[in-house]
Protein backbone atom coordinates (compact mmCIF):
# COMPACT_ATOMS: atom_id res chain seq x y z
CA MET A 1 -18.63 -22.53 6.78
CA ASN A 2 -15.88 -24.85 6.06
CA ASN A 3 -12.37 -23.18 5.19
CA GLU A 4 -12.53 -23.38 1.92
CA GLU A 5 -15.60 -21.22 1.86
CA LEU A 6 -14.09 -19.05 3.81
CA GLY A 7 -11.39 -18.85 1.36
CA MET A 8 -8.58 -20.05 3.51
CA SER A 9 -6.15 -23.44 3.30
CA LYS A 10 -7.36 -27.14 4.17
CA ASN A 11 -4.77 -28.09 5.32
CA ILE A 12 -4.97 -26.02 8.70
CA SER A 13 -7.73 -24.08 9.87
CA ARG A 14 -7.40 -20.28 11.74
CA ARG A 15 -7.96 -22.00 15.30
CA GLU A 16 -6.16 -24.80 14.55
CA PHE A 17 -3.04 -22.53 14.04
CA ILE A 18 -3.86 -19.93 16.93
CA LYS A 19 -4.06 -22.93 18.91
CA THR A 20 -0.69 -24.31 17.71
CA MET A 21 1.53 -20.37 17.59
CA GLY A 22 -0.47 -19.83 20.80
CA VAL A 23 -2.46 -16.27 21.62
CA ALA A 24 -0.76 -13.49 22.50
CA GLY A 25 -1.83 -10.22 23.86
CA ILE A 26 0.70 -8.41 21.88
CA ALA A 27 -1.00 -4.47 20.51
CA THR A 28 0.94 -3.68 17.02
CA ALA A 29 0.36 -0.66 15.19
CA GLY A 30 -1.69 -0.19 11.54
CA LEU A 31 0.96 2.00 9.75
CA SER A 32 -1.11 2.35 6.84
CA SER A 33 -4.10 2.97 7.76
CA CYS A 34 -5.84 7.02 6.95
CA VAL A 35 -7.61 6.81 10.54
CA GLY A 36 -6.13 5.63 13.50
CA THR A 37 -7.80 5.38 17.24
CA LYS A 38 -6.13 7.01 20.05
CA LYS A 39 -6.05 3.28 21.40
CA GLU A 40 -3.68 2.39 18.59
CA ALA A 41 -1.10 5.67 19.08
CA LYS A 42 -0.84 4.21 22.64
CA GLU A 43 0.16 0.88 21.66
CA LEU A 44 2.90 2.43 19.08
CA PRO A 45 6.53 2.45 21.54
CA GLU A 46 7.48 5.35 23.31
CA GLY A 47 10.76 7.02 23.84
CA ASP A 48 12.81 9.88 22.52
CA VAL A 49 12.89 10.39 18.33
CA PRO A 50 16.60 10.48 17.38
CA LYS A 51 17.26 13.14 14.90
CA ASP A 52 20.71 13.49 12.52
CA LYS A 53 20.51 9.34 12.59
CA MET A 54 19.00 8.79 9.57
CA THR A 55 20.60 6.15 7.10
CA TYR A 56 20.57 7.41 3.49
CA ARG A 57 20.59 5.36 0.17
CA VAL A 58 23.15 7.44 -2.52
CA ASN A 59 21.38 7.08 -6.57
CA PRO A 60 23.62 6.21 -8.72
CA THR A 61 22.93 7.86 -11.14
CA THR A 62 22.33 11.43 -9.72
CA GLY A 63 24.48 11.06 -6.53
CA ASP A 64 21.42 12.15 -4.35
CA LYS A 65 21.37 11.67 -1.17
CA VAL A 66 17.65 9.69 -0.19
CA SER A 67 16.51 8.68 3.38
CA ILE A 68 15.66 5.32 3.16
CA LEU A 69 12.81 6.50 4.68
CA GLY A 70 9.90 7.66 2.14
CA PHE A 71 6.66 9.52 2.69
CA GLY A 72 4.24 8.33 0.71
CA MET A 73 1.37 11.01 -0.05
CA MET A 74 -1.28 8.96 -0.68
CA ARG A 75 -3.49 8.45 2.49
CA LEU A 76 -3.49 11.96 3.68
CA PRO A 77 -4.88 13.47 7.50
CA THR A 78 -8.40 14.30 7.11
CA LYS A 79 -10.79 16.35 8.45
CA GLU A 80 -14.48 15.19 8.58
CA GLN A 81 -17.42 17.51 7.85
CA PRO A 82 -20.67 17.03 9.52
CA GLU A 83 -23.04 16.49 6.61
CA LYS A 84 -23.09 13.41 4.92
CA ASN A 85 -23.99 13.32 0.87
CA GLU A 86 -27.01 10.93 -0.59
CA ASN A 87 -24.90 7.92 -0.46
CA GLU A 88 -24.13 8.10 3.17
CA GLU A 89 -20.60 9.10 3.11
CA VAL A 90 -18.66 11.28 5.38
CA ASN A 91 -17.55 14.30 3.72
CA GLU A 92 -13.89 14.55 3.79
CA GLU A 93 -11.07 17.27 3.22
CA ILE A 94 -6.83 17.26 3.71
CA ASP A 95 -6.14 18.58 7.12
CA GLN A 96 -3.58 21.00 5.35
CA GLU A 97 -2.76 21.81 8.76
CA GLU A 98 -1.87 18.50 9.94
CA VAL A 99 0.04 17.63 6.39
CA ASN A 100 2.33 20.62 7.12
CA LYS A 101 3.22 19.56 10.87
CA LEU A 102 4.05 16.19 9.35
CA VAL A 103 6.49 17.08 6.65
CA ASP A 104 7.56 19.67 9.11
CA TYR A 105 8.82 16.89 11.21
CA ALA A 106 9.57 14.30 8.79
CA LEU A 107 12.11 16.86 7.48
CA ASP A 108 13.95 17.97 10.13
CA HIS A 109 14.14 14.65 11.55
CA GLY A 110 16.21 13.48 8.48
CA VAL A 111 13.33 12.79 5.90
CA ASN A 112 13.60 14.09 1.91
CA TYR A 113 11.68 11.60 -0.50
CA PHE A 114 7.92 12.27 -0.49
CA ASP A 115 5.77 10.11 -2.90
CA THR A 116 2.43 12.22 -4.96
CA SER A 117 0.35 11.53 -7.23
CA PRO A 118 -2.23 12.98 -9.34
CA VAL A 119 -4.95 10.64 -8.43
CA TYR A 120 -3.87 10.35 -5.15
CA CYS A 121 -6.84 11.45 -2.39
CA GLN A 122 -9.19 12.39 -5.08
CA GLY A 123 -7.15 14.43 -7.07
CA LEU A 124 -5.86 16.20 -4.26
CA SER A 125 -2.56 14.75 -2.82
CA GLU A 126 -0.19 16.99 -5.13
CA ARG A 127 -1.44 20.63 -3.96
CA ALA A 128 -1.47 19.58 -0.48
CA THR A 129 1.80 18.14 -0.96
CA GLY A 130 3.11 21.38 -2.55
CA LEU A 131 1.72 23.39 -0.01
CA ALA A 132 3.60 21.64 2.47
CA LEU A 133 6.98 21.26 1.10
CA SER A 134 6.96 24.90 -0.58
CA ARG A 135 7.33 26.72 2.67
CA HIS A 136 10.84 24.97 2.85
CA PRO A 137 14.28 25.20 0.60
CA ARG A 138 14.04 23.12 -2.40
CA ASN A 139 17.32 21.37 -1.94
CA LYS A 140 16.22 20.61 0.72
CA TYR A 141 13.39 17.93 -0.90
CA PHE A 142 12.88 15.35 -3.53
CA VAL A 143 9.40 14.80 -4.58
CA ALA A 144 7.80 12.29 -6.84
CA THR A 145 5.03 11.60 -8.88
CA LYS A 146 3.78 10.11 -11.68
CA LEU A 147 1.97 10.56 -14.90
CA SER A 148 -1.31 8.70 -13.74
CA ASN A 149 -2.78 8.52 -17.44
CA PHE A 150 -5.01 5.80 -17.14
CA SER A 151 -8.35 6.68 -19.02
CA PRO A 152 -8.45 6.82 -22.78
CA ASP A 153 -9.18 10.44 -22.36
CA THR A 154 -6.00 11.43 -20.67
CA GLN A 155 -3.63 9.32 -23.04
CA SER A 156 -3.53 11.80 -25.40
CA CYS A 157 -0.29 13.30 -25.88
CA GLU A 158 -2.23 16.62 -25.78
CA ALA A 159 -3.80 15.49 -22.27
CA SER A 160 -0.37 13.68 -20.80
CA ILE A 161 1.43 16.95 -21.24
CA ALA A 162 -1.14 18.61 -19.64
CA MET A 163 -1.46 16.30 -16.45
CA TYR A 164 2.36 16.56 -16.00
CA ARG A 165 2.53 20.41 -16.29
CA ASN A 166 -0.16 20.70 -14.16
CA SER A 167 1.79 18.14 -11.50
CA LEU A 168 4.52 20.82 -11.68
CA LYS A 169 1.79 23.49 -10.94
CA GLU A 170 0.75 21.78 -7.70
CA LEU A 171 3.89 20.81 -6.52
CA ARG A 172 5.02 24.44 -6.74
CA VAL A 173 8.62 23.41 -8.22
CA ASP A 174 10.17 24.23 -11.13
CA TYR A 175 11.52 20.74 -12.36
CA ILE A 176 10.51 17.16 -10.69
CA ASP A 177 13.39 15.13 -8.64
CA TYR A 178 11.40 11.62 -9.79
CA MET A 179 8.99 10.63 -12.18
CA LEU A 180 7.37 7.62 -13.01
CA LEU A 181 5.26 6.55 -15.47
CA HIS A 182 2.45 4.96 -13.19
CA ALA A 183 1.17 1.86 -12.09
CA ILE A 184 2.83 -0.09 -15.56
CA GLY A 185 2.04 -4.34 -16.16
CA GLY A 186 -1.93 -3.82 -14.84
CA GLY A 187 -4.88 -4.27 -16.63
CA ARG A 188 -6.20 -7.07 -19.21
CA ASP A 189 -3.95 -5.84 -21.75
CA ALA A 190 -0.99 -4.84 -20.11
CA MET A 191 1.56 -4.63 -22.93
CA ALA A 192 -1.52 -3.20 -24.97
CA GLU A 193 -1.87 -0.53 -21.95
CA TYR A 194 1.81 0.39 -21.51
CA ALA A 195 1.92 1.11 -25.81
CA ALA A 196 -1.50 3.07 -25.95
CA ARG A 197 -0.27 5.25 -22.63
CA TYR A 198 3.29 5.88 -22.84
CA VAL A 199 4.13 4.37 -26.68
CA ASN A 200 1.85 4.98 -29.14
CA ASN A 201 1.54 8.75 -27.99
CA GLY A 202 5.37 9.87 -28.31
CA ILE A 203 4.53 10.46 -24.21
CA LEU A 204 8.14 8.39 -22.83
CA ASP A 205 9.67 9.91 -25.69
CA PHE A 206 8.30 13.61 -24.28
CA LEU A 207 9.63 12.69 -20.97
CA ILE A 208 13.37 11.32 -21.40
CA GLU A 209 13.42 14.37 -23.36
CA GLU A 210 12.32 16.75 -20.56
CA ARG A 211 15.02 14.68 -18.56
CA LYS A 212 17.57 16.16 -21.09
CA ALA A 213 16.53 19.93 -20.31
CA GLY A 214 16.62 18.80 -16.56
CA ARG A 215 13.04 19.23 -15.87
CA ILE A 216 12.95 15.79 -14.75
CA ARG A 217 16.19 14.31 -12.65
CA ASN A 218 15.35 10.72 -12.76
CA LEU A 219 12.63 8.76 -14.82
CA GLY A 220 10.97 5.59 -13.73
CA PHE A 221 8.13 3.41 -13.78
CA SER A 222 5.68 1.60 -11.07
CA TYR A 223 5.38 -1.82 -11.40
CA HIS A 224 2.09 -3.68 -10.78
CA GLY A 225 1.28 -7.24 -12.11
CA ASP A 226 2.79 -8.73 -15.65
CA ILE A 227 5.45 -9.58 -15.48
CA ARG A 228 5.93 -9.18 -19.08
CA VAL A 229 6.12 -5.55 -18.98
CA PHE A 230 8.73 -5.73 -16.29
CA ASP A 231 11.38 -7.88 -18.39
CA TYR A 232 9.94 -5.71 -22.12
CA LEU A 233 11.30 -2.64 -19.64
CA LEU A 234 14.31 -3.59 -18.48
CA SER A 235 15.17 -5.07 -21.95
CA LYS A 236 15.45 -1.60 -22.99
CA HIS A 237 17.19 -0.23 -20.23
CA ASP A 238 20.16 0.37 -22.27
CA GLU A 239 17.68 2.82 -24.61
CA TYR A 240 15.28 4.54 -22.06
CA LYS A 241 18.40 4.37 -19.07
CA TRP A 242 15.78 4.38 -15.81
CA ASP A 243 17.07 6.03 -13.26
CA PHE A 244 14.97 4.15 -10.43
CA VAL A 245 11.92 1.50 -10.76
CA GLN A 246 9.46 1.08 -7.93
CA ILE A 247 7.96 -2.38 -7.04
CA GLN A 248 5.99 -3.96 -4.12
CA LEU A 249 8.18 -5.98 -1.68
CA ASN A 250 8.04 -7.34 1.75
CA TYR A 251 8.84 -10.35 3.41
CA LEU A 252 5.76 -11.79 2.29
CA ASP A 253 6.00 -11.07 -1.37
CA TRP A 254 9.29 -12.20 -1.64
CA ARG A 255 8.91 -15.90 -2.26
CA HIS A 256 5.08 -16.01 -1.65
CA ALA A 257 3.94 -13.64 -3.98
CA LYS A 258 1.95 -15.68 -6.23
CA ILE A 259 0.49 -18.08 -3.29
CA THR A 260 -1.24 -14.94 -1.77
CA ASN A 261 -2.15 -13.28 -5.54
CA PRO A 262 -1.89 -15.46 -9.04
CA ALA A 263 -1.49 -12.43 -10.89
CA ASN A 264 1.82 -10.81 -8.85
CA THR A 265 5.12 -11.86 -9.11
CA ASP A 266 7.75 -12.71 -6.63
CA ALA A 267 9.59 -9.56 -5.43
CA GLU A 268 12.86 -11.79 -4.85
CA TYR A 269 12.94 -11.66 -8.61
CA LEU A 270 11.63 -8.08 -9.22
CA TYR A 271 14.92 -6.74 -7.46
CA ALA A 272 17.50 -9.13 -8.58
CA GLU A 273 16.28 -7.84 -12.04
CA LEU A 274 17.04 -4.35 -10.53
CA ALA A 275 20.14 -5.49 -9.10
CA LYS A 276 21.96 -6.64 -12.38
CA ARG A 277 20.99 -3.62 -13.86
CA ASN A 278 22.41 -1.64 -11.23
CA ILE A 279 18.71 0.33 -10.94
CA PRO A 280 18.15 1.02 -7.41
CA ALA A 281 14.89 0.28 -6.56
CA VAL A 282 12.24 1.99 -4.57
CA ILE A 283 9.77 0.03 -2.32
CA MET A 284 5.89 0.49 -2.07
CA GLU A 285 3.64 -1.84 0.13
CA PRO A 286 6.50 -2.93 2.21
CA LEU A 287 3.54 -3.46 5.06
CA LEU A 288 0.78 -5.14 2.25
CA GLY A 289 -1.66 -2.17 3.16
CA GLY A 290 -1.31 -2.63 7.05
CA ARG A 291 -1.39 -6.75 7.03
CA LEU A 292 2.42 -7.10 8.22
CA SER A 293 1.92 -5.23 11.50
CA LYS A 294 -0.86 -7.36 12.89
CA VAL A 295 0.36 -10.85 12.36
CA PRO A 296 -0.49 -13.82 14.46
CA GLY A 297 -0.03 -13.76 18.23
CA LYS A 298 3.12 -15.88 18.81
CA VAL A 299 4.89 -14.64 16.20
CA ALA A 300 4.19 -10.98 17.49
CA ALA A 301 5.63 -11.94 20.24
CA TYR A 302 8.69 -13.48 19.48
CA LEU A 303 9.09 -10.20 17.11
CA LEU A 304 8.99 -8.14 20.52
CA GLN A 305 10.86 -10.44 22.38
CA ARG A 306 13.81 -10.01 19.90
CA GLU A 307 13.82 -6.22 20.44
CA PRO A 308 11.95 -4.48 23.16
CA GLY A 309 10.44 -1.52 22.61
CA LYS A 310 10.53 -1.79 18.62
CA SER A 311 6.89 -2.11 16.68
CA VAL A 312 5.92 -5.54 14.74
CA ALA A 313 5.95 -3.03 11.89
CA SER A 314 9.74 -2.25 12.73
CA TRP A 315 10.27 -5.72 11.15
CA ALA A 316 8.84 -5.49 7.99
CA PHE A 317 10.37 -1.87 7.28
CA ARG A 318 13.65 -3.51 8.38
CA PHE A 319 13.36 -5.91 6.06
CA ALA A 320 12.86 -4.24 2.94
CA GLY A 321 15.64 -1.38 4.17
CA THR A 322 17.70 -5.02 4.40
CA MET A 323 18.03 -4.51 0.70
CA PRO A 324 21.17 -2.96 -0.23
CA GLY A 325 19.93 -1.59 -3.77
CA VAL A 326 16.66 -0.08 -2.25
CA LEU A 327 16.54 3.59 -2.75
CA THR A 328 13.81 4.37 -0.32
CA VAL A 329 10.77 2.81 1.52
CA LEU A 330 7.75 4.63 0.93
CA SER A 331 4.88 4.24 4.03
CA GLY A 332 1.54 6.25 4.11
CA MET A 333 2.18 8.58 7.60
CA THR A 334 -1.18 9.39 8.30
CA ARG A 335 -0.54 9.65 12.40
CA MET A 336 2.10 11.18 14.19
CA GLU A 337 3.32 8.39 16.33
CA HIS A 338 3.61 6.48 12.66
CA LEU A 339 6.14 9.01 11.49
CA GLN A 340 7.98 8.43 14.79
CA ASP A 341 7.63 4.76 14.72
CA ASN A 342 9.16 4.73 11.18
CA ILE A 343 11.89 7.50 11.82
CA ARG A 344 13.18 5.07 14.76
CA THR A 345 13.36 2.31 12.77
CA TYR A 346 15.77 4.19 10.30
CA SER A 347 17.50 6.18 12.12
CA PRO A 348 19.53 4.41 12.00
CA LEU A 349 18.38 1.13 10.10
CA LYS A 350 19.70 -2.09 11.39
CA PRO A 351 19.50 -4.67 9.13
CA LEU A 352 18.45 -8.64 9.52
CA ASN A 353 20.81 -10.90 10.07
CA ASP A 354 20.24 -14.42 8.63
CA ASP A 355 18.83 -15.84 11.36
CA GLU A 356 16.05 -12.78 11.33
CA LEU A 357 15.90 -13.43 7.59
CA ALA A 358 14.87 -17.25 8.18
CA PHE A 359 12.49 -16.12 11.02
CA LEU A 360 10.06 -14.14 8.38
CA GLU A 361 10.77 -16.48 5.95
CA GLU A 362 9.56 -19.26 8.00
CA ALA A 363 6.64 -16.52 9.67
CA ALA A 364 5.41 -15.61 5.57
CA LYS A 365 5.24 -19.68 5.16
CA ILE A 366 2.12 -19.90 7.86
CA MET A 367 0.60 -16.90 7.25
CA ILE A 368 -0.06 -17.02 3.47
CA GLN A 369 -2.67 -19.71 4.44
CA PHE A 370 -5.52 -17.40 5.62
CA GLY A 371 -6.15 -16.97 2.08
CA ASN A 372 -6.65 -13.22 2.93
CA ILE A 373 -8.34 -10.62 -0.22
CA PRO A 374 -4.94 -9.01 -1.19
CA CYS A 375 -6.37 -5.56 -0.70
CA ASN A 376 -3.77 -2.67 -0.28
CA ASP A 377 -6.71 0.23 0.00
CA CYS A 378 -5.13 2.05 -2.61
CA LYS A 379 -8.70 2.98 -3.53
CA TYR A 380 -7.72 3.11 -6.97
CA CYS A 381 -10.96 0.52 -7.54
CA MET A 382 -13.15 4.04 -6.83
CA PRO A 383 -15.61 5.51 -7.22
CA CYS A 384 -17.84 2.46 -8.21
CA PRO A 385 -20.34 3.56 -10.19
CA TYR A 386 -22.93 1.42 -8.01
CA GLY A 387 -22.09 3.30 -4.86
CA ILE A 388 -20.03 0.34 -3.75
CA ASP A 389 -17.47 1.04 -1.12
CA ILE A 390 -15.18 -1.79 -2.76
CA PRO A 391 -12.27 -0.94 -0.18
CA ALA A 392 -14.18 -0.88 3.00
CA THR A 393 -15.70 -4.18 2.00
CA LEU A 394 -12.44 -6.24 1.37
CA LEU A 395 -10.83 -4.93 4.58
CA TYR A 396 -13.51 -5.74 7.25
CA TYR A 397 -13.57 -9.26 5.73
CA ASN A 398 -9.79 -9.54 6.19
CA LYS A 399 -10.22 -7.63 9.22
CA CYS A 400 -12.45 -10.31 10.56
CA LEU A 401 -9.99 -13.28 9.15
CA ASN A 402 -7.12 -12.12 10.61
CA GLU A 403 -8.91 -11.42 14.04
CA ASP A 404 -10.78 -15.06 14.28
CA ARG A 405 -13.88 -13.68 14.29
CA MET A 406 -15.53 -15.58 11.93
CA PRO A 407 -18.55 -16.87 12.50
CA VAL A 408 -17.84 -20.66 11.85
CA GLY A 409 -20.02 -23.74 12.89
CA ALA A 410 -23.72 -22.96 13.59
CA GLN A 411 -23.34 -25.69 16.55
CA ASN A 412 -20.37 -23.88 18.04
CA GLU A 413 -21.35 -22.22 21.51
CA ASN A 414 -19.59 -18.76 20.42
CA TYR A 415 -21.62 -18.50 16.84
CA ARG A 416 -24.55 -16.85 17.44
CA LYS A 417 -22.22 -13.83 19.37
CA ALA A 418 -19.50 -14.09 16.87
CA ARG A 419 -22.28 -13.62 14.04
CA ARG A 420 -24.35 -10.91 15.94
CA GLU A 421 -20.95 -9.24 15.82
CA PHE A 422 -19.64 -9.58 12.13
CA LEU A 423 -23.05 -8.38 10.89
CA ALA A 424 -23.07 -5.54 13.28
CA GLY A 425 -19.34 -4.71 12.60
CA TYR A 426 -20.15 -5.09 8.92
CA ASP A 427 -23.01 -2.46 8.95
CA LYS A 428 -20.56 -0.01 10.89
CA SER A 429 -18.04 -0.32 8.82
CA VAL A 430 -20.06 -0.18 5.40
CA PRO A 431 -23.28 1.50 5.15
CA ARG A 432 -25.95 -0.51 4.24
CA LEU A 433 -26.59 1.29 0.43
CA ARG A 434 -22.95 0.70 0.13
CA GLN A 435 -22.02 -3.21 0.56
CA ALA A 436 -21.39 -6.12 -1.53
CA ASN A 437 -24.83 -6.87 -2.57
CA HIS A 438 -25.62 -4.22 -4.88
CA CYS A 439 -22.77 -5.43 -6.69
CA ILE A 440 -24.10 -5.96 -10.03
CA GLY A 441 -20.69 -7.30 -11.93
CA CYS A 442 -20.04 -4.69 -14.41
CA GLY A 443 -15.93 -5.19 -13.88
CA LYS A 444 -15.08 -1.52 -13.90
CA CYS A 445 -12.89 -1.68 -11.25
CA VAL A 446 -10.87 -4.80 -12.25
CA ASP A 447 -9.38 -2.35 -14.54
CA HIS A 448 -7.92 -0.06 -12.34
CA CYS A 449 -6.63 -2.56 -9.72
CA PRO A 450 -3.12 -2.57 -9.32
CA GLN A 451 -3.16 -6.01 -7.48
CA ARG A 452 -5.07 -7.51 -9.82
CA ILE A 453 -8.24 -8.55 -7.74
CA ASN A 454 -11.24 -10.57 -9.53
CA ILE A 455 -12.96 -7.81 -7.01
CA PRO A 456 -16.58 -8.75 -8.64
CA ARG A 457 -15.98 -12.41 -7.78
CA GLU A 458 -14.56 -11.25 -4.28
CA LEU A 459 -17.65 -8.93 -3.44
CA HIS A 460 -20.29 -11.61 -4.23
CA ARG A 461 -18.07 -14.36 -2.18
CA ILE A 462 -18.72 -12.11 0.59
CA ASP A 463 -21.73 -11.13 -0.15
CA ALA A 464 -23.04 -15.01 -0.04
CA TYR A 465 -21.70 -15.23 3.15
CA VAL A 466 -22.96 -12.00 4.36
CA GLU A 467 -26.66 -13.62 3.42
CA ARG A 468 -26.37 -16.88 4.83
CA LEU A 469 -25.02 -15.17 8.26
CA ARG A 470 -28.31 -13.33 8.10
CA GLN A 471 -30.53 -16.21 6.64
CA SER A 472 -29.41 -18.64 9.86
CA ILE A 473 -30.48 -16.13 11.82
CA ASN A 474 -34.30 -17.04 11.51
CA HIS A 475 -33.36 -20.72 11.00
CA ILE A 476 -31.36 -21.51 13.91
CA ASP A 477 -32.24 -19.07 16.47
């Protein structure tokens, strides 16, 4: 199978790249994962976690002193139940005790911004967040949530207001510090979707009135996708007075977003447009779903040589925090080790210098050649009506691509072993009944994907590759 079939650049193969860059046995931390192994935990830097040294940024509108590290509550720790359902899924529920421990530790070490949504964790994130935070004085934290009225049955005025009021109830608060219009710019007709969700039903006017009444302290939106909607909303800033905007920003998407995903816009442009208007930026996906914590070997070795004892992921967090217009950088931290590592990075923040920024730009140019599917494991595409585990399938493919474990070249002496390991790993990561071959191309997942991935096309591409591997067992062996 050639590089084009793998979704890789024709200019350089993965094996050529690894040969060029060198192979270093450098362990990196996958900070966005919900479930980590004990080995992963040990590979994170050790040492004291500082207190009272957190870096803070001030919101120019309200004067809020916000920690540069924000706690994303989208991927909360879970505890497995022993039984499986008919789709061979292990039932999981949020581990509230562990959530409480993480929140307590975060607050004790200076983190005060917590970001959730009515749709996170199958609708249970707000409740878990509210339970954990309500055990602390209300003036010790800022809570952010979103109006996630994606489906037609939640877009009416009544249904949207009910969702907003339920957020207050679940979060156990009388006011919301940071309220967002959720995932603006997604969908096939983004302008029409924005109008249906917020304008035609009068909900944006309602939220502005809630801000005037003090039940919303800051009003903003999270942006995904269609740049026309982003530009339009900023053109209305004098009318709406956005207090903040949430954007995807990392050193790969800073100047190369359209290469990794043609539907996206370079973060450099998004950030500059906000800075022009003095609108604070809240940053999501600083690690691109964990991809920037698993960089190629020699790149990782260089980063760790420059900052011994610091994780590779810390460079991505430092990049996001270096921008002075950034209010806070969100991280989905499901493990105590990940929370501690991020606290070290931002206590205090050591901004990147010009040489370090230039190196990360060169690293980004190298990494964009490998054609990863830009899935960030947000699970907005789920549930699939045909039972496919879409995120697990895409992430397994990316993992094998990143780790140079794609079986390539049937005559290669390691081909049979690589093929066997790839197929066994696929069956282990994704149960047979939930694999890509069950996709019929209905497209229901596409409109929900904030990265605007053509998910059916990617699933069919993966399935065709897997099928060729399975057929080759009889033809070659």
